[in-house]
Amino acid sequence: MKTIKIFLGVILLTGILLAQDEVQKLPGYVDFGSFEGLYNEDNFTEVNVEAPLLNLAAKMSKEKDPELARLLSGIKLVKVYSFGVEKEKASGFEDKIKKITQRLNAEKWERIVRVKEKSETVNVYLKPASEGFSGLTVLTLDGNEAVFVNVVGEINLEAISKLGERFDIPELDYIKKKDKK
């Protein structure tokens, strides 16, 4: 019996790893790389919500909020990294954002928001697809906090701002502001 449980566990883990590998191959996926050495391990948040949980949330919200359900059913991954930034590490985060924005520009992502004021930097990118967009990336550095967001899947700007409200991702507020202009 123990052998069967181990075997089933290995199969389940293999399935999860294969699903993650498939998401990483989608055009809207962004590899932020390592943040090692940039942040204090006592002051960070990492959120990874993948398709199975998003599909469950879509089914649960179908009656009360059909628009949100439609949005969630097209999303494959939402990942958010938030870091407390110590003054001596701020330039490291600035360099990280610069390298990622250079890569996104080279990969033909469209920048829809760019803010640079004092200690605040915001970049919002969309990955064009044949119909709509296949990815959204938000990179922010605001004084003592850095946030990196990647949403992979079918992207609708209005629905994305609603997703930000629903899951309390304030960095997605920039989408709402851009969408109303």
C-alpha atoms as a PDB file:
ATOM      1  CA  MET A   1       0.000   0.000   0.000  1.00  0.00           C
ATOM      2  CA  LYS A   2       2.848   2.392   0.841  1.00  0.00           C
ATOM      3  CA  THR A   3       4.394   1.750  -2.591  1.00  0.00           C
ATOM      4  CA  ILE A   4       1.098   2.631  -4.299  1.00  0.00           C
ATOM      5  CA  LYS A   5       0.856   5.908  -2.351  1.00  0.00           C
ATOM      6  CA  ILE A   6       4.418   6.827  -3.292  1.00  0.00           C
ATOM      7  CA  PHE A   7       3.734   5.933  -6.926  1.00  0.00           C
ATOM      8  CA  LEU A   8       0.546   8.044  -6.985  1.00  0.00           C
ATOM      9  CA  GLY A   9       2.407  10.924  -5.340  1.00  0.00           C
ATOM     10  CA  VAL A  10       5.132  10.782  -7.991  1.00  0.00           C
ATOM     11  CA  ILE A  11       2.497  10.776 -10.770  1.00  0.00           C
ATOM     12  CA  LEU A  12       0.700  13.762  -9.207  1.00  0.00           C
ATOM     13  CA  LEU A  13       3.936  15.700  -8.759  1.00  0.00           C
ATOM     14  CA  THR A  14       4.969  14.923 -12.345  1.00  0.00           C
ATOM     15  CA  GLY A  15       1.609  16.211 -13.590  1.00  0.00           C
ATOM     16  CA  ILE A  16       1.981  19.440 -11.618  1.00  0.00           C
ATOM     17  CA  LEU A  17       5.519  19.997 -12.906  1.00  0.00           C
ATOM     18  CA  LEU A  18       4.458  19.319 -16.504  1.00  0.00           C
ATOM     19  CA  ALA A  19       1.553  21.786 -16.171  1.00  0.00           C
ATOM     20  CA  GLN A  20       3.953  24.450 -14.837  1.00  0.00           C
ATOM     21  CA  ASP A  21       6.342  23.748 -17.723  1.00  0.00           C
ATOM     22  CA  GLU A  22       3.479  24.200 -20.222  1.00  0.00           C
ATOM     23  CA  VAL A  23       2.502  27.579 -18.717  1.00  0.00           C
ATOM     24  CA  GLN A  24       6.117  28.731 -18.967  1.00  0.00           C
ATOM     25  CA  LYS A  25       5.996  28.090 -22.728  1.00  0.00           C
ATOM     26  CA  LEU A  26       2.975  30.370 -23.271  1.00  0.00           C
ATOM     27  CA  PRO A  27       3.733  33.724 -24.960  1.00  0.00           C
ATOM     28  CA  GLY A  28       2.378  35.777 -22.033  1.00  0.00           C
ATOM     29  CA  TYR A  29       4.678  34.154 -19.452  1.00  0.00           C
ATOM     30  CA  VAL A  30       7.548  36.227 -18.057  1.00  0.00           C
ATOM     31  CA  ASP A  31      10.463  34.714 -16.170  1.00  0.00           C
ATOM     32  CA  PHE A  32      11.491  37.349 -13.648  1.00  0.00           C
ATOM     33  CA  GLY A  33      14.626  35.409 -12.780  1.00  0.00           C
ATOM     34  CA  SER A  34      16.091  35.217  -9.308  1.00  0.00           C
ATOM     35  CA  PHE A  35      15.626  37.879  -6.674  1.00  0.00           C
ATOM     36  CA  GLU A  36      18.321  36.352  -4.483  1.00  0.00           C
ATOM     37  CA  GLY A  37      20.284  38.933  -2.545  1.00  0.00           C
ATOM     38  CA  LEU A  38      17.833  41.757  -3.290  1.00  0.00           C
ATOM     39  CA  TYR A  39      15.362  41.335  -0.470  1.00  0.00           C
ATOM     40  CA  ASN A  40      15.066  40.554   3.207  1.00  0.00           C
ATOM     41  CA  GLU A  41      13.562  37.081   3.606  1.00  0.00           C
ATOM     42  CA  ASP A  42      11.384  38.422   6.424  1.00  0.00           C
ATOM     43  CA  ASN A  43       9.662  40.956   4.173  1.00  0.00           C
ATOM     44  CA  PHE A  44       8.268  39.462   0.959  1.00  0.00           C
ATOM     45  CA  THR A  45       5.096  37.962  -0.450  1.00  0.00           C
ATOM     46  CA  GLU A  46       4.799  35.430  -3.245  1.00  0.00           C
ATOM     47  CA  VAL A  47       1.463  34.478  -4.793  1.00  0.00           C
ATOM     48  CA  ASN A  48       1.112  31.871  -7.554  1.00  0.00           C
ATOM     49  CA  VAL A  49      -2.414  31.016  -8.644  1.00  0.00           C
ATOM     50  CA  GLU A  50      -2.551  28.515 -11.478  1.00  0.00           C
ATOM     51  CA  ALA A  51      -5.288  27.354 -13.853  1.00  0.00           C
ATOM     52  CA  PRO A  52      -6.932  24.692 -11.627  1.00  0.00           C
ATOM     53  CA  LEU A  53      -7.607  27.163  -8.808  1.00  0.00           C
ATOM     54  CA  LEU A  54      -8.566  29.905 -11.282  1.00  0.00           C
ATOM     55  CA  ASN A  55     -11.018  27.526 -12.985  1.00  0.00           C
ATOM     56  CA  LEU A  56     -12.523  26.639  -9.608  1.00  0.00           C
ATOM     57  CA  ALA A  57     -12.926  30.336  -8.784  1.00  0.00           C
ATOM     58  CA  ALA A  58     -14.542  30.853 -12.206  1.00  0.00           C
ATOM     59  CA  LYS A  59     -17.070  28.107 -11.544  1.00  0.00           C
ATOM     60  CA  MET A  60     -17.834  29.459  -8.069  1.00  0.00           C
ATOM     61  CA  SER A  61     -18.371  33.023  -9.319  1.00  0.00           C
ATOM     62  CA  LYS A  62     -20.318  32.120 -12.465  1.00  0.00           C
ATOM     63  CA  GLU A  63     -23.748  33.039 -11.058  1.00  0.00           C
ATOM     64  CA  LYS A  64     -22.822  36.112  -9.016  1.00  0.00           C
ATOM     65  CA  ASP A  65     -20.264  37.610 -11.396  1.00  0.00           C
ATOM     66  CA  PRO A  66     -20.327  36.118 -14.924  1.00  0.00           C
ATOM     67  CA  GLU A  67     -17.792  38.662 -16.214  1.00  0.00           C
ATOM     68  CA  LEU A  68     -15.244  37.637 -13.582  1.00  0.00           C
ATOM     69  CA  ALA A  69     -15.982  33.967 -14.302  1.00  0.00           C
ATOM     70  CA  ARG A  70     -15.317  34.541 -18.021  1.00  0.00           C
ATOM     71  CA  LEU A  71     -12.045  36.324 -17.256  1.00  0.00           C
ATOM     72  CA  LEU A  72     -10.825  33.647 -14.865  1.00  0.00           C
ATOM     73  CA  SER A  73     -11.611  30.829 -17.271  1.00  0.00           C
ATOM     74  CA  GLY A  74      -9.153  32.317 -19.791  1.00  0.00           C
ATOM     75  CA  ILE A  75      -6.329  32.918 -17.305  1.00  0.00           C
ATOM     76  CA  LYS A  76      -3.640  30.261 -16.894  1.00  0.00           C
ATOM     77  CA  LEU A  77      -1.464  31.874 -14.214  1.00  0.00           C
ATOM     78  CA  VAL A  78      -1.366  34.855 -11.886  1.00  0.00           C
ATOM     79  CA  LYS A  79       1.919  35.375 -10.094  1.00  0.00           C
ATOM     80  CA  VAL A  80       2.756  38.253  -7.810  1.00  0.00           C
ATOM     81  CA  TYR A  81       6.017  38.945  -6.017  1.00  0.00           C
ATOM     82  CA  SER A  82       6.119  41.802  -3.519  1.00  0.00           C
ATOM     83  CA  PHE A  83       9.287  42.799  -1.696  1.00  0.00           C
ATOM     84  CA  GLY A  84      10.150  45.235   1.029  1.00  0.00           C
ATOM     85  CA  VAL A  85      13.057  47.265  -0.368  1.00  0.00           C
ATOM     86  CA  GLU A  86      15.901  48.403   1.843  1.00  0.00           C
ATOM     87  CA  LYS A  87      17.562  51.644   0.697  1.00  0.00           C
ATOM     88  CA  GLU A  88      20.872  49.953  -0.063  1.00  0.00           C
ATOM     89  CA  LYS A  89      19.106  47.370  -2.289  1.00  0.00           C
ATOM     90  CA  ALA A  90      16.904  49.817  -4.275  1.00  0.00           C
ATOM     91  CA  SER A  91      19.416  50.119  -7.121  1.00  0.00           C
ATOM     92  CA  GLY A  92      19.392  46.314  -7.475  1.00  0.00           C
ATOM     93  CA  PHE A  93      15.629  46.383  -7.997  1.00  0.00           C
ATOM     94  CA  GLU A  94      15.988  49.294 -10.432  1.00  0.00           C
ATOM     95  CA  ASP A  95      18.497  47.242 -12.434  1.00  0.00           C
ATOM     96  CA  LYS A  96      16.181  44.214 -12.338  1.00  0.00           C
ATOM     97  CA  ILE A  97      13.252  46.250 -13.665  1.00  0.00           C
ATOM     98  CA  LYS A  98      15.464  47.775 -16.363  1.00  0.00           C
ATOM     99  CA  LYS A  99      16.641  44.341 -17.564  1.00  0.00           C
ATOM    100  CA  ILE A 100      13.111  42.937 -17.606  1.00  0.00           C
ATOM    101  CA  THR A 101      11.746  45.967 -19.504  1.00  0.00           C
ATOM    102  CA  GLN A 102      14.549  45.648 -22.066  1.00  0.00           C
ATOM    103  CA  ARG A 103      13.670  41.987 -22.569  1.00  0.00           C
ATOM    104  CA  LEU A 104       9.938  42.740 -22.833  1.00  0.00           C
ATOM    105  CA  ASN A 105      10.616  45.456 -25.421  1.00  0.00           C
ATOM    106  CA  ALA A 106      12.822  43.067 -27.417  1.00  0.00           C
ATOM    107  CA  GLU A 107      10.071  40.412 -27.290  1.00  0.00           C
ATOM    108  CA  LYS A 108       7.539  42.907 -28.736  1.00  0.00           C
ATOM    109  CA  TRP A 109       5.479  43.453 -25.598  1.00  0.00           C
ATOM    110  CA  GLU A 110       3.523  46.737 -25.682  1.00  0.00           C
ATOM    111  CA  ARG A 111       4.138  49.162 -22.847  1.00  0.00           C
ATOM    112  CA  ILE A 112       0.813  50.795 -21.984  1.00  0.00           C
ATOM    113  CA  VAL A 113       1.842  52.610 -18.789  1.00  0.00           C
ATOM    114  CA  ARG A 114       5.148  54.186 -17.820  1.00  0.00           C
ATOM    115  CA  VAL A 115       5.545  56.303 -14.718  1.00  0.00           C
ATOM    116  CA  LYS A 116       8.811  57.711 -13.384  1.00  0.00           C
ATOM    117  CA  GLU A 117       8.452  60.164 -10.510  1.00  0.00           C
ATOM    118  CA  LYS A 118      10.941  60.646  -7.710  1.00  0.00           C
ATOM    119  CA  SER A 119      11.187  57.208  -6.098  1.00  0.00           C
ATOM    120  CA  GLU A 120       8.278  55.692  -8.054  1.00  0.00           C
ATOM    121  CA  THR A 121       8.696  53.595 -11.191  1.00  0.00           C
ATOM    122  CA  VAL A 122       5.806  51.811 -12.885  1.00  0.00           C
ATOM    123  CA  ASN A 123       5.798  49.839 -16.123  1.00  0.00           C
ATOM    124  CA  VAL A 124       2.774  47.958 -17.443  1.00  0.00           C
ATOM    125  CA  TYR A 125       3.122  45.742 -20.513  1.00  0.00           C
ATOM    126  CA  LEU A 126       0.736  43.678 -22.625  1.00  0.00           C
ATOM    127  CA  LYS A 127       1.736  40.820 -24.924  1.00  0.00           C
ATOM    128  CA  PRO A 128      -0.238  41.114 -28.183  1.00  0.00           C
ATOM    129  CA  ALA A 129      -1.887  37.974 -29.539  1.00  0.00           C
ATOM    130  CA  SER A 130      -3.850  37.332 -32.713  1.00  0.00           C
ATOM    131  CA  GLU A 131      -7.027  38.233 -30.835  1.00  0.00           C
ATOM    132  CA  GLY A 132      -6.446  40.516 -27.874  1.00  0.00           C
ATOM    133  CA  PHE A 133      -3.566  39.929 -25.492  1.00  0.00           C
ATOM    134  CA  SER A 134      -1.921  36.809 -24.063  1.00  0.00           C
ATOM    135  CA  GLY A 135      -0.069  38.322 -21.126  1.00  0.00           C
ATOM    136  CA  LEU A 136       0.121  41.240 -18.734  1.00  0.00           C
ATOM    137  CA  THR A 137       3.179  42.274 -16.756  1.00  0.00           C
ATOM    138  CA  VAL A 138       3.366  44.993 -14.112  1.00  0.00           C
ATOM    139  CA  LEU A 139       6.697  46.110 -12.638  1.00  0.00           C
ATOM    140  CA  THR A 140       6.688  48.687  -9.840  1.00  0.00           C
ATOM    141  CA  LEU A 141       9.206  50.178  -7.475  1.00  0.00           C
ATOM    142  CA  ASP A 142       7.794  52.695  -5.065  1.00  0.00           C
ATOM    143  CA  GLY A 143      10.181  53.777  -2.351  1.00  0.00           C
ATOM    144  CA  ASN A 144      10.276  50.833   0.018  1.00  0.00           C
ATOM    145  CA  GLU A 145       8.297  48.294  -2.034  1.00  0.00           C
ATOM    146  CA  ALA A 146       8.884  46.472  -5.325  1.00  0.00           C
ATOM    147  CA  VAL A 147       6.128  44.456  -7.002  1.00  0.00           C
ATOM    148  CA  PHE A 148       6.325  42.159 -10.021  1.00  0.00           C
ATOM    149  CA  VAL A 149       3.067  40.801 -11.507  1.00  0.00           C
ATOM    150  CA  ASN A 150       2.551  38.445 -14.447  1.00  0.00           C
ATOM    151  CA  VAL A 151      -0.880  37.341 -15.670  1.00  0.00           C
ATOM    152  CA  VAL A 152      -0.813  34.684 -18.402  1.00  0.00           C
ATOM    153  CA  GLY A 153      -3.773  33.850 -20.609  1.00  0.00           C
ATOM    154  CA  GLU A 154      -6.536  35.690 -22.435  1.00  0.00           C
ATOM    155  CA  ILE A 155      -6.334  39.299 -21.252  1.00  0.00           C
ATOM    156  CA  ASN A 156      -9.227  41.770 -21.228  1.00  0.00           C
ATOM    157  CA  LEU A 157      -8.186  45.133 -19.729  1.00  0.00           C
ATOM    158  CA  GLU A 158     -11.514  45.922 -18.108  1.00  0.00           C
ATOM    159  CA  ALA A 159     -11.747  42.466 -16.620  1.00  0.00           C
ATOM    160  CA  ILE A 160      -8.124  42.631 -15.417  1.00  0.00           C
ATOM    161  CA  SER A 161      -8.870  45.761 -13.399  1.00  0.00           C
ATOM    162  CA  LYS A 162     -11.805  43.889 -11.880  1.00  0.00           C
ATOM    163  CA  LEU A 163      -9.478  40.979 -11.075  1.00  0.00           C
ATOM    164  CA  GLY A 164      -7.153  43.438  -9.290  1.00  0.00           C
ATOM    165  CA  GLU A 165     -10.051  44.713  -7.188  1.00  0.00           C
ATOM    166  CA  ARG A 166     -11.330  41.218  -6.397  1.00  0.00           C
ATOM    167  CA  PHE A 167      -7.942  39.788  -5.369  1.00  0.00           C
ATOM    168  CA  ASP A 168      -6.571  43.045  -3.872  1.00  0.00           C
ATOM    169  CA  ILE A 169      -3.689  43.598  -6.307  1.00  0.00           C
ATOM    170  CA  PRO A 170      -3.411  47.411  -6.210  1.00  0.00           C
ATOM    171  CA  GLU A 171      -0.739  47.440  -8.937  1.00  0.00           C
ATOM    172  CA  LEU A 172      -3.469  46.507 -11.413  1.00  0.00           C
ATOM    173  CA  ASP A 173      -5.181  49.850 -10.674  1.00  0.00           C
ATOM    174  CA  TYR A 174      -2.926  51.350 -13.347  1.00  0.00           C
ATOM    175  CA  ILE A 175      -4.831  49.257 -15.902  1.00  0.00           C
ATOM    176  CA  LYS A 176      -8.122  50.824 -14.854  1.00  0.00           C
ATOM    177  CA  LYS A 177      -6.650  54.313 -15.160  1.00  0.00           C
ATOM    178  CA  LYS A 178      -5.196  53.520 -18.602  1.00  0.00           C
ATOM    179  CA  ASP A 179      -8.399  51.832 -19.817  1.00  0.00           C
ATOM    180  CA  LYS A 180     -10.490  54.947 -19.013  1.00  0.00           C
ATOM    181  CA  LYS A 181      -8.217  57.325 -20.982  1.00  0.00           C
END
